[in-house]
Amino acid sequence: IALDESEIEEQFVRASGPGGQNVNKVS
């Protein structure tokens, strides 16, 4: 078994938890 990279979809969202102001600005 090998997965094709085109079958995987990535989405970047804002994280919760520690990180200071960075958490509010960067996904």
mmCIF file of all heavy atoms, coordinates in Angstrom:
data_MODEL
# 
_entry.id   MODEL 
# 
loop_
_atom_site.group_PDB 
_atom_site.id 
_atom_site.type_symbol 
_atom_site.label_atom_id 
_atom_site.label_alt_id 
_atom_site.label_comp_id 
_atom_site.label_asym_id 
_atom_site.label_entity_id 
_atom_site.label_seq_id 
_atom_site.pdbx_PDB_ins_code 
_atom_site.Cartn_x 
_atom_site.Cartn_y 
_atom_site.Cartn_z 
_atom_site.occupancy 
_atom_site.B_iso_or_equiv 
_atom_site.pdbx_formal_charge 
_atom_site.auth_seq_id 
_atom_site.auth_comp_id 
_atom_site.auth_asym_id 
_atom_site.auth_atom_id 
_atom_site.pdbx_PDB_model_num 
ATOM 1   N N   . ILE A 1 1  ? 0.827   -1.216 0.000  1.00 0.00 ? 1  ILE A N   1 
ATOM 2   C CA  . ILE A 1 1  ? 0.000   0.000  0.000  1.00 0.00 ? 1  ILE A CA  1 
ATOM 3   C C   . ILE A 1 1  ? 0.862   1.266  0.000  1.00 0.00 ? 1  ILE A C   1 
ATOM 4   O O   . ILE A 1 1  ? 1.787   1.398  0.796  1.00 0.00 ? 1  ILE A O   1 
ATOM 5   C CB  . ILE A 1 1  ? -0.939  0.019  1.227  1.00 0.00 ? 1  ILE A CB  1 
ATOM 6   C CG1 . ILE A 1 1  ? -1.835  -1.229 1.230  1.00 0.00 ? 1  ILE A CG1 1 
ATOM 7   C CG2 . ILE A 1 1  ? -1.803  1.266  1.237  1.00 0.00 ? 1  ILE A CG2 1 
ATOM 8   C CD1 . ILE A 1 1  ? -2.611  -1.419 2.505  1.00 0.00 ? 1  ILE A CD1 1 
ATOM 9   N N   . ALA A 1 2  ? 0.502   2.165  -0.899 1.00 0.00 ? 2  ALA A N   1 
ATOM 10  C CA  . ALA A 1 2  ? 1.111   3.498  -0.935 1.00 0.00 ? 2  ALA A CA  1 
ATOM 11  C C   . ALA A 1 2  ? 0.004   4.504  -1.248 1.00 0.00 ? 2  ALA A C   1 
ATOM 12  O O   . ALA A 1 2  ? -0.806  4.280  -2.148 1.00 0.00 ? 2  ALA A O   1 
ATOM 13  C CB  . ALA A 1 2  ? 2.194   3.556  -1.991 1.00 0.00 ? 2  ALA A CB  1 
ATOM 14  N N   . LEU A 1 3  ? -0.049  5.576  -0.493 1.00 0.00 ? 3  LEU A N   1 
ATOM 15  C CA  . LEU A 1 3  ? -1.079  6.599  -0.706 1.00 0.00 ? 3  LEU A CA  1 
ATOM 16  C C   . LEU A 1 3  ? -0.577  7.640  -1.689 1.00 0.00 ? 3  LEU A C   1 
ATOM 17  O O   . LEU A 1 3  ? 0.572   8.076  -1.620 1.00 0.00 ? 3  LEU A O   1 
ATOM 18  C CB  . LEU A 1 3  ? -1.424  7.292  0.614  1.00 0.00 ? 3  LEU A CB  1 
ATOM 19  C CG  . LEU A 1 3  ? -1.992  6.442  1.743  1.00 0.00 ? 3  LEU A CG  1 
ATOM 20  C CD1 . LEU A 1 3  ? -2.247  7.310  2.957  1.00 0.00 ? 3  LEU A CD1 1 
ATOM 21  C CD2 . LEU A 1 3  ? -3.251  5.735  1.323  1.00 0.00 ? 3  LEU A CD2 1 
ATOM 22  N N   . ASP A 1 4  ? -1.455  8.039  -2.584 1.00 0.00 ? 4  ASP A N   1 
ATOM 23  C CA  . ASP A 1 4  ? -1.122  9.091  -3.543 1.00 0.00 ? 4  ASP A CA  1 
ATOM 24  C C   . ASP A 1 4  ? -1.311  10.438 -2.839 1.00 0.00 ? 4  ASP A C   1 
ATOM 25  O O   . ASP A 1 4  ? -2.328  10.668 -2.189 1.00 0.00 ? 4  ASP A O   1 
ATOM 26  C CB  . ASP A 1 4  ? -2.051  8.980  -4.760 1.00 0.00 ? 4  ASP A CB  1 
ATOM 27  C CG  . ASP A 1 4  ? -1.615  9.869  -5.896 1.00 0.00 ? 4  ASP A CG  1 
ATOM 28  O OD1 . ASP A 1 4  ? -0.520  10.466 -5.796 1.00 0.00 ? 4  ASP A OD1 1 
ATOM 29  O OD2 . ASP A 1 4  ? -2.359  9.967  -6.888 1.00 0.00 ? 4  ASP A OD2 1 
ATOM 30  N N   . GLU A 1 5  ? -0.323  11.311 -2.957 1.00 0.00 ? 5  GLU A N   1 
ATOM 31  C CA  . GLU A 1 5  ? -0.384  12.606 -2.273 1.00 0.00 ? 5  GLU A CA  1 
ATOM 32  C C   . GLU A 1 5  ? -1.545  13.471 -2.743 1.00 0.00 ? 5  GLU A C   1 
ATOM 33  O O   . GLU A 1 5  ? -2.034  14.320 -2.005 1.00 0.00 ? 5  GLU A O   1 
ATOM 34  C CB  . GLU A 1 5  ? 0.941   13.356 -2.437 1.00 0.00 ? 5  GLU A CB  1 
ATOM 35  C CG  . GLU A 1 5  ? 2.012   12.831 -1.515 1.00 0.00 ? 5  GLU A CG  1 
ATOM 36  C CD  . GLU A 1 5  ? 3.397   12.834 -2.139 1.00 0.00 ? 5  GLU A CD  1 
ATOM 37  O OE1 . GLU A 1 5  ? 3.576   13.492 -3.171 1.00 0.00 ? 5  GLU A OE1 1 
ATOM 38  O OE2 . GLU A 1 5  ? 4.273   12.161 -1.584 1.00 0.00 ? 5  GLU A OE2 1 
ATOM 39  N N   . SER A 1 6  ? -2.010  13.238 -3.971 1.00 0.00 ? 6  SER A N   1 
ATOM 40  C CA  . SER A 1 6  ? -3.132  14.035 -4.492 1.00 0.00 ? 6  SER A CA  1 
ATOM 41  C C   . SER A 1 6  ? -4.452  13.678 -3.789 1.00 0.00 ? 6  SER A C   1 
ATOM 42  O O   . SER A 1 6  ? -5.418  14.426 -3.866 1.00 0.00 ? 6  SER A O   1 
ATOM 43  C CB  . SER A 1 6  ? -3.272  13.820 -5.995 1.00 0.00 ? 6  SER A CB  1 
ATOM 44  O OG  . SER A 1 6  ? -3.586  12.474 -6.273 1.00 0.00 ? 6  SER A OG  1 
ATOM 45  N N   . GLU A 1 7  ? -4.483  12.526 -3.094 1.00 0.00 ? 7  GLU A N   1 
ATOM 46  C CA  . GLU A 1 7  ? -5.698  12.118 -2.365 1.00 0.00 ? 7  GLU A CA  1 
ATOM 47  C C   . GLU A 1 7  ? -5.788  12.792 -0.996 1.00 0.00 ? 7  GLU A C   1 
ATOM 48  O O   . GLU A 1 7  ? -6.811  12.712 -0.340 1.00 0.00 ? 7  GLU A O   1 
ATOM 49  C CB  . GLU A 1 7  ? -5.714  10.591 -2.168 1.00 0.00 ? 7  GLU A CB  1 
ATOM 50  C CG  . GLU A 1 7  ? -5.873  9.808  -3.449 1.00 0.00 ? 7  GLU A CG  1 
ATOM 51  C CD  . GLU A 1 7  ? -5.851  8.311  -3.222 1.00 0.00 ? 7  GLU A CD  1 
ATOM 52  O OE1 . GLU A 1 7  ? -5.192  7.847  -2.264 1.00 0.00 ? 7  GLU A OE1 1 
ATOM 53  O OE2 . GLU A 1 7  ? -6.487  7.600  -4.000 1.00 0.00 ? 7  GLU A OE2 1 
ATOM 54  N N   . ILE A 1 8  ? -4.696  13.432 -0.583 1.00 0.00 ? 8  ILE A N   1 
ATOM 55  C CA  . ILE A 1 8  ? -4.667  14.074 0.727  1.00 0.00 ? 8  ILE A CA  1 
ATOM 56  C C   . ILE A 1 8  ? -4.819  15.575 0.551  1.00 0.00 ? 8  ILE A C   1 
ATOM 57  O O   . ILE A 1 8  ? -4.101  16.206 -0.217 1.00 0.00 ? 8  ILE A O   1 
ATOM 58  C CB  . ILE A 1 8  ? -3.345  13.749 1.467  1.00 0.00 ? 8  ILE A CB  1 
ATOM 59  C CG1 . ILE A 1 8  ? -3.269  12.243 1.737  1.00 0.00 ? 8  ILE A CG1 1 
ATOM 60  C CG2 . ILE A 1 8  ? -3.253  14.526 2.768  1.00 0.00 ? 8  ILE A CG2 1 
ATOM 61  C CD1 . ILE A 1 8  ? -1.926  11.773 2.219  1.00 0.00 ? 8  ILE A CD1 1 
ATOM 62  N N   . GLU A 1 9  ? -5.759  16.138 1.285  1.00 0.00 ? 9  GLU A N   1 
ATOM 63  C CA  . GLU A 1 9  ? -6.050  17.566 1.195  1.00 0.00 ? 9  GLU A CA  1 
ATOM 64  C C   . GLU A 1 9  ? -5.704  18.212 2.532  1.00 0.00 ? 9  GLU A C   1 
ATOM 65  O O   . GLU A 1 9  ? -6.083  17.695 3.589  1.00 0.00 ? 9  GLU A O   1 
ATOM 66  C CB  . GLU A 1 9  ? -7.545  17.718 0.904  1.00 0.00 ? 9  GLU A CB  1 
ATOM 67  C CG  . GLU A 1 9  ? -8.006  19.095 0.596  1.00 0.00 ? 9  GLU A CG  1 
ATOM 68  C CD  . GLU A 1 9  ? -9.512  19.107 0.389  1.00 0.00 ? 9  GLU A CD  1 
ATOM 69  O OE1 . GLU A 1 9  ? -10.010 18.293 -0.406 1.00 0.00 ? 9  GLU A OE1 1 
ATOM 70  O OE2 . GLU A 1 9  ? -10.167 19.940 1.041  1.00 0.00 ? 9  GLU A OE2 1 
ATOM 71  N N   . GLU A 1 10 ? -4.970  19.318 2.505  1.00 0.00 ? 10 GLU A N   1 
ATOM 72  C CA  . GLU A 1 10 ? -4.590  20.020 3.730  1.00 0.00 ? 10 GLU A CA  1 
ATOM 73  C C   . GLU A 1 10 ? -5.236  21.384 3.778  1.00 0.00 ? 10 GLU A C   1 
ATOM 74  O O   . GLU A 1 10 ? -5.346  22.068 2.759  1.00 0.00 ? 10 GLU A O   1 
ATOM 75  C CB  . GLU A 1 10 ? -3.067  20.192 3.802  1.00 0.00 ? 10 GLU A CB  1 
ATOM 76  C CG  . GLU A 1 10 ? -2.317  18.922 4.027  1.00 0.00 ? 10 GLU A CG  1 
ATOM 77  C CD  . GLU A 1 10 ? -0.814  19.127 3.945  1.00 0.00 ? 10 GLU A CD  1 
ATOM 78  O OE1 . GLU A 1 10 ? -0.382  20.124 3.332  1.00 0.00 ? 10 GLU A OE1 1 
ATOM 79  O OE2 . GLU A 1 10 ? -0.090  18.294 4.487  1.00 0.00 ? 10 GLU A OE2 1 
ATOM 80  N N   . GLN A 1 11 ? -5.664  21.751 4.966  1.00 0.00 ? 11 GLN A N   1 
ATOM 81  C CA  . GLN A 1 11 ? -6.236  23.074 5.173  1.00 0.00 ? 11 GLN A CA  1 
ATOM 82  C C   . GLN A 1 11 ? -5.615  23.622 6.461  1.00 0.00 ? 11 GLN A C   1 
ATOM 83  O O   . GLN A 1 11 ? -5.518  22.901 7.455  1.00 0.00 ? 11 GLN A O   1 
ATOM 84  C CB  . GLN A 1 11 ? -7.752  22.949 5.312  1.00 0.00 ? 11 GLN A CB  1 
ATOM 85  C CG  . GLN A 1 11 ? -8.467  24.256 5.317  1.00 0.00 ? 11 GLN A CG  1 
ATOM 86  C CD  . GLN A 1 11 ? -9.978  24.051 5.400  1.00 0.00 ? 11 GLN A CD  1 
ATOM 87  O OE1 . GLN A 1 11 ? -10.476 22.937 5.411  1.00 0.00 ? 11 GLN A OE1 1 
ATOM 88  N NE2 . GLN A 1 11 ? -10.699 25.148 5.469  1.00 0.00 ? 11 GLN A NE2 1 
ATOM 89  N N   . PHE A 1 12 ? -5.196  24.861 6.434  1.00 0.00 ? 12 PHE A N   1 
ATOM 90  C CA  . PHE A 1 12 ? -4.564  25.460 7.602  1.00 0.00 ? 12 PHE A CA  1 
ATOM 91  C C   . PHE A 1 12 ? -5.555  26.357 8.317  1.00 0.00 ? 12 PHE A C   1 
ATOM 92  O O   . PHE A 1 12 ? -6.188  27.209 7.693  1.00 0.00 ? 12 PHE A O   1 
ATOM 93  C CB  . PHE A 1 12 ? -3.303  26.235 7.194  1.00 0.00 ? 12 PHE A CB  1 
ATOM 94  C CG  . PHE A 1 12 ? -2.296  25.343 6.533  1.00 0.00 ? 12 PHE A CG  1 
ATOM 95  C CD1 . PHE A 1 12 ? -2.161  25.314 5.148  1.00 0.00 ? 12 PHE A CD1 1 
ATOM 96  C CD2 . PHE A 1 12 ? -1.500  24.496 7.294  1.00 0.00 ? 12 PHE A CD2 1 
ATOM 97  C CE1 . PHE A 1 12 ? -1.243  24.469 4.540  1.00 0.00 ? 12 PHE A CE1 1 
ATOM 98  C CE2 . PHE A 1 12 ? -0.587  23.648 6.700  1.00 0.00 ? 12 PHE A CE2 1 
ATOM 99  C CZ  . PHE A 1 12 ? -0.458  23.638 5.315  1.00 0.00 ? 12 PHE A CZ  1 
ATOM 100 N N   . VAL A 1 13 ? -5.706  26.104 9.616  1.00 0.00 ? 13 VAL A N   1 
ATOM 101 C CA  . VAL A 1 13 ? -6.662  26.860 10.433 1.00 0.00 ? 13 VAL A CA  1 
ATOM 102 C C   . VAL A 1 13 ? -5.949  27.411 11.662 1.00 0.00 ? 13 VAL A C   1 
ATOM 103 O O   . VAL A 1 13 ? -4.840  26.999 11.983 1.00 0.00 ? 13 VAL A O   1 
ATOM 104 C CB  . VAL A 1 13 ? -7.855  25.974 10.865 1.00 0.00 ? 13 VAL A CB  1 
ATOM 105 C CG1 . VAL A 1 13 ? -8.710  25.599 9.671  1.00 0.00 ? 13 VAL A CG1 1 
ATOM 106 C CG2 . VAL A 1 13 ? -7.387  24.730 11.587 1.00 0.00 ? 13 VAL A CG2 1 
ATOM 107 N N   . ARG A 1 14 ? -6.607  28.309 12.365 1.00 0.00 ? 14 ARG A N   1 
ATOM 108 C CA  . ARG A 1 14 ? -6.011  28.877 13.584 1.00 0.00 ? 14 ARG A CA  1 
ATOM 109 C C   . ARG A 1 14 ? -6.092  27.853 14.705 1.00 0.00 ? 14 ARG A C   1 
ATOM 110 O O   . ARG A 1 14 ? -7.113  27.213 14.898 1.00 0.00 ? 14 ARG A O   1 
ATOM 111 C CB  . ARG A 1 14 ? -6.732  30.159 13.980 1.00 0.00 ? 14 ARG A CB  1 
ATOM 112 C CG  . ARG A 1 14 ? -6.452  31.251 12.974 1.00 0.00 ? 14 ARG A CG  1 
ATOM 113 C CD  . ARG A 1 14 ? -6.618  32.609 13.589 1.00 0.00 ? 14 ARG A CD  1 
ATOM 114 N NE  . ARG A 1 14 ? -6.239  33.613 12.608 1.00 0.00 ? 14 ARG A NE  1 
ATOM 115 C CZ  . ARG A 1 14 ? -7.060  34.566 12.188 1.00 0.00 ? 14 ARG A CZ  1 
ATOM 116 N NH1 . ARG A 1 14 ? -8.266  34.649 12.672 1.00 0.00 ? 14 ARG A NH1 1 
ATOM 117 N NH2 . ARG A 1 14 ? -6.645  35.431 11.299 1.00 0.00 ? 14 ARG A NH2 1 
ATOM 118 N N   . ALA A 1 15 ? -5.001  27.745 15.437 1.00 0.00 ? 15 ALA A N   1 
ATOM 119 C CA  . ALA A 1 15 ? -4.918  26.781 16.532 1.00 0.00 ? 15 ALA A CA  1 
ATOM 120 C C   . ALA A 1 15 ? -5.391  27.402 17.830 1.00 0.00 ? 15 ALA A C   1 
ATOM 121 O O   . ALA A 1 15 ? -5.340  28.615 18.011 1.00 0.00 ? 15 ALA A O   1 
ATOM 122 C CB  . ALA A 1 15 ? -3.484  26.289 16.683 1.00 0.00 ? 15 ALA A CB  1 
ATOM 123 N N   . SER A 1 16 ? -5.840  26.543 18.751 1.00 0.00 ? 16 SER A N   1 
ATOM 124 C CA  . SER A 1 16 ? -6.176  27.022 20.091 1.00 0.00 ? 16 SER A CA  1 
ATOM 125 C C   . SER A 1 16 ? -4.977  26.743 20.981 1.00 0.00 ? 16 SER A C   1 
ATOM 126 O O   . SER A 1 16 ? -4.026  26.087 20.572 1.00 0.00 ? 16 SER A O   1 
ATOM 127 C CB  . SER A 1 16 ? -7.405  26.280 20.603 1.00 0.00 ? 16 SER A CB  1 
ATOM 128 O OG  . SER A 1 16 ? -7.112  24.902 20.687 1.00 0.00 ? 16 SER A OG  1 
ATOM 129 N N   . GLY A 1 17 ? -5.021  27.210 22.204 1.00 0.00 ? 17 GLY A N   1 
ATOM 130 C CA  . GLY A 1 17 ? -3.952  26.901 23.140 1.00 0.00 ? 17 GLY A CA  1 
ATOM 131 C C   . GLY A 1 17 ? -2.846  27.934 23.170 1.00 0.00 ? 17 GLY A C   1 
ATOM 132 O O   . GLY A 1 17 ? -3.023  29.072 22.733 1.00 0.00 ? 17 GLY A O   1 
ATOM 133 N N   . PRO A 1 18 ? -1.650  27.544 23.693 1.00 0.00 ? 18 PRO A N   1 
ATOM 134 C CA  . PRO A 1 18 ? -0.568  28.511 23.889 1.00 0.00 ? 18 PRO A CA  1 
ATOM 135 C C   . PRO A 1 18 ? -0.005  29.050 22.580 1.00 0.00 ? 18 PRO A C   1 
ATOM 136 O O   . PRO A 1 18 ? -0.113  28.422 21.543 1.00 0.00 ? 18 PRO A O   1 
ATOM 137 C CB  . PRO A 1 18 ? 0.494   27.708 24.641 1.00 0.00 ? 18 PRO A CB  1 
ATOM 138 C CG  . PRO A 1 18 ? 0.235   26.303 24.277 1.00 0.00 ? 18 PRO A CG  1 
ATOM 139 C CD  . PRO A 1 18 ? -1.245  26.200 24.087 1.00 0.00 ? 18 PRO A CD  1 
ATOM 140 N N   . GLY A 1 19 ? 0.583   30.220 22.648 1.00 0.00 ? 19 GLY A N   1 
ATOM 141 C CA  . GLY A 1 19 ? 1.201   30.809 21.471 1.00 0.00 ? 19 GLY A CA  1 
ATOM 142 C C   . GLY A 1 19 ? 1.129   32.317 21.483 1.00 0.00 ? 19 GLY A C   1 
ATOM 143 O O   . GLY A 1 19 ? 1.608   32.978 20.576 1.00 0.00 ? 19 GLY A O   1 
ATOM 144 N N   . GLY A 1 20 ? 0.493   32.882 22.505 1.00 0.00 ? 20 GLY A N   1 
ATOM 145 C CA  . GLY A 1 20 ? 0.410   34.338 22.623 1.00 0.00 ? 20 GLY A CA  1 
ATOM 146 C C   . GLY A 1 20 ? -0.370  34.948 21.477 1.00 0.00 ? 20 GLY A C   1 
ATOM 147 O O   . GLY A 1 20 ? -1.323  34.369 20.972 1.00 0.00 ? 20 GLY A O   1 
ATOM 148 N N   . GLN A 1 21 ? 0.050   36.131 21.035 1.00 0.00 ? 21 GLN A N   1 
ATOM 149 C CA  . GLN A 1 21 ? -0.640  36.819 19.945 1.00 0.00 ? 21 GLN A CA  1 
ATOM 150 C C   . GLN A 1 21 ? -0.509  36.066 18.628 1.00 0.00 ? 21 GLN A C   1 
ATOM 151 O O   . GLN A 1 21 ? -1.338  36.200 17.743 1.00 0.00 ? 21 GLN A O   1 
ATOM 152 C CB  . GLN A 1 21 ? -0.073  38.228 19.781 1.00 0.00 ? 21 GLN A CB  1 
ATOM 153 C CG  . GLN A 1 21 ? -0.578  39.183 20.818 1.00 0.00 ? 21 GLN A CG  1 
ATOM 154 C CD  . GLN A 1 21 ? -0.125  40.586 20.532 1.00 0.00 ? 21 GLN A CD  1 
ATOM 155 O OE1 . GLN A 1 21 ? 0.879   40.800 19.862 1.00 0.00 ? 21 GLN A OE1 1 
ATOM 156 N NE2 . GLN A 1 21 ? -0.860  41.553 21.040 1.00 0.00 ? 21 GLN A NE2 1 
ATOM 157 N N   . ASN A 1 22 ? 0.550   35.259 18.531 1.00 0.00 ? 22 ASN A N   1 
ATOM 158 C CA  . ASN A 1 22 ? 0.795   34.481 17.313 1.00 0.00 ? 22 ASN A CA  1 
ATOM 159 C C   . ASN A 1 22 ? -0.414  33.620 16.962 1.00 0.00 ? 22 ASN A C   1 
ATOM 160 O O   . ASN A 1 22 ? -0.749  33.440 15.795 1.00 0.00 ? 22 ASN A O   1 
ATOM 161 C CB  . ASN A 1 22 ? 2.031   33.594 17.538 1.00 0.00 ? 22 ASN A CB  1 
ATOM 162 C CG  . ASN A 1 22 ? 2.636   33.130 16.245 1.00 0.00 ? 22 ASN A CG  1 
ATOM 163 O OD1 . ASN A 1 22 ? 2.805   33.900 15.323 1.00 0.00 ? 22 ASN A OD1 1 
ATOM 164 N ND2 . ASN A 1 22 ? 2.955   31.857 16.185 1.00 0.00 ? 22 ASN A ND2 1 
ATOM 165 N N   . VAL A 1 23 ? -1.086  33.098 18.000 1.00 0.00 ? 23 VAL A N   1 
ATOM 166 C CA  . VAL A 1 23 ? -2.247  32.233 17.811 1.00 0.00 ? 23 VAL A CA  1 
ATOM 167 C C   . VAL A 1 23 ? -3.375  32.969 17.090 1.00 0.00 ? 23 VAL A C   1 
ATOM 168 O O   . VAL A 1 23 ? -4.115  32.388 16.306 1.00 0.00 ? 23 VAL A O   1 
ATOM 169 C CB  . VAL A 1 23 ? -2.704  31.690 19.201 1.00 0.00 ? 23 VAL A CB  1 
ATOM 170 C CG1 . VAL A 1 23 ? -4.190  31.628 19.345 1.00 0.00 ? 23 VAL A CG1 1 
ATOM 171 C CG2 . VAL A 1 23 ? -2.105  30.329 19.437 1.00 0.00 ? 23 VAL A CG2 1 
ATOM 172 N N   . ASN A 1 24 ? -3.516  34.267 17.357 1.00 0.00 ? 24 ASN A N   1 
ATOM 173 C CA  . ASN A 1 24 ? -4.590  35.049 16.742 1.00 0.00 ? 24 ASN A CA  1 
ATOM 174 C C   . ASN A 1 24 ? -4.276  35.495 15.315 1.00 0.00 ? 24 ASN A C   1 
ATOM 175 O O   . ASN A 1 24 ? -5.163  35.901 14.584 1.00 0.00 ? 24 ASN A O   1 
ATOM 176 C CB  . ASN A 1 24 ? -4.878  36.296 17.591 1.00 0.00 ? 24 ASN A CB  1 
ATOM 177 C CG  . ASN A 1 24 ? -5.220  35.924 19.016 1.00 0.00 ? 24 ASN A CG  1 
ATOM 178 O OD1 . ASN A 1 24 ? -5.872  34.914 19.249 1.00 0.00 ? 24 ASN A OD1 1 
ATOM 179 N ND2 . ASN A 1 24 ? -4.769  36.727 19.954 1.00 0.00 ? 24 ASN A ND2 1 
ATOM 180 N N   . LYS A 1 25 ? -3.010  35.440 14.932 1.00 0.00 ? 25 LYS A N   1 
ATOM 181 C CA  . LYS A 1 25 ? -2.602  35.976 13.628 1.00 0.00 ? 25 LYS A CA  1 
ATOM 182 C C   . LYS A 1 25 ? -2.292  34.909 12.593 1.00 0.00 ? 25 LYS A C   1 
ATOM 183 O O   . LYS A 1 25 ? -2.539  35.090 11.418 1.00 0.00 ? 25 LYS A O   1 
ATOM 184 C CB  . LYS A 1 25 ? -1.351  36.853 13.786 1.00 0.00 ? 25 LYS A CB  1 
ATOM 185 C CG  . LYS A 1 25 ? -1.578  38.068 14.639 1.00 0.00 ? 25 LYS A CG  1 
ATOM 186 C CD  . LYS A 1 25 ? -0.383  38.988 14.626 1.00 0.00 ? 25 LYS A CD  1 
ATOM 187 C CE  . LYS A 1 25 ? 0.817   38.328 15.268 1.00 0.00 ? 25 LYS A CE  1 
ATOM 188 N NZ  . LYS A 1 25 ? 1.978   39.218 15.376 1.00 0.00 ? 25 LYS A NZ  1 
ATOM 189 N N   . VAL A 1 26 ? -1.690  33.775 13.030 1.00 0.00 ? 26 VAL A N   1 
ATOM 190 C CA  . VAL A 1 26 ? -1.167  32.795 12.088 1.00 0.00 ? 26 VAL A CA  1 
ATOM 191 C C   . VAL A 1 26 ? -1.954  31.489 12.148 1.00 0.00 ? 26 VAL A C   1 
ATOM 192 O O   . VAL A 1 26 ? -2.271  31.000 13.225 1.00 0.00 ? 26 VAL A O   1 
ATOM 193 C CB  . VAL A 1 26 ? 0.329   32.505 12.395 1.00 0.00 ? 26 VAL A CB  1 
ATOM 194 C CG1 . VAL A 1 26 ? 0.936   31.594 11.352 1.00 0.00 ? 26 VAL A CG1 1 
ATOM 195 C CG2 . VAL A 1 26 ? 1.110   33.797 12.478 1.00 0.00 ? 26 VAL A CG2 1 
ATOM 196 N N   . SER A 1 27 ? -2.240  30.921 10.996 1.00 0.00 ? 27 SER A N   1 
ATOM 197 C CA  . SER A 1 27 ? -2.948  29.646 10.927 1.00 0.00 ? 27 SER A CA  1 
ATOM 198 C C   . SER A 1 27 ? -1.926  28.510 10.966 1.00 0.00 ? 27 SER A C   1 
ATOM 199 O O   . SER A 1 27 ? -1.400  28.098 9.926  1.00 0.00 ? 27 SER A O   1 
ATOM 200 C CB  . SER A 1 27 ? -3.770  29.571 9.642  1.00 0.00 ? 27 SER A CB  1 
ATOM 201 O OG  . SER A 1 27 ? -4.743  30.575 9.644  1.00 0.00 ? 27 SER A OG  1 
# 
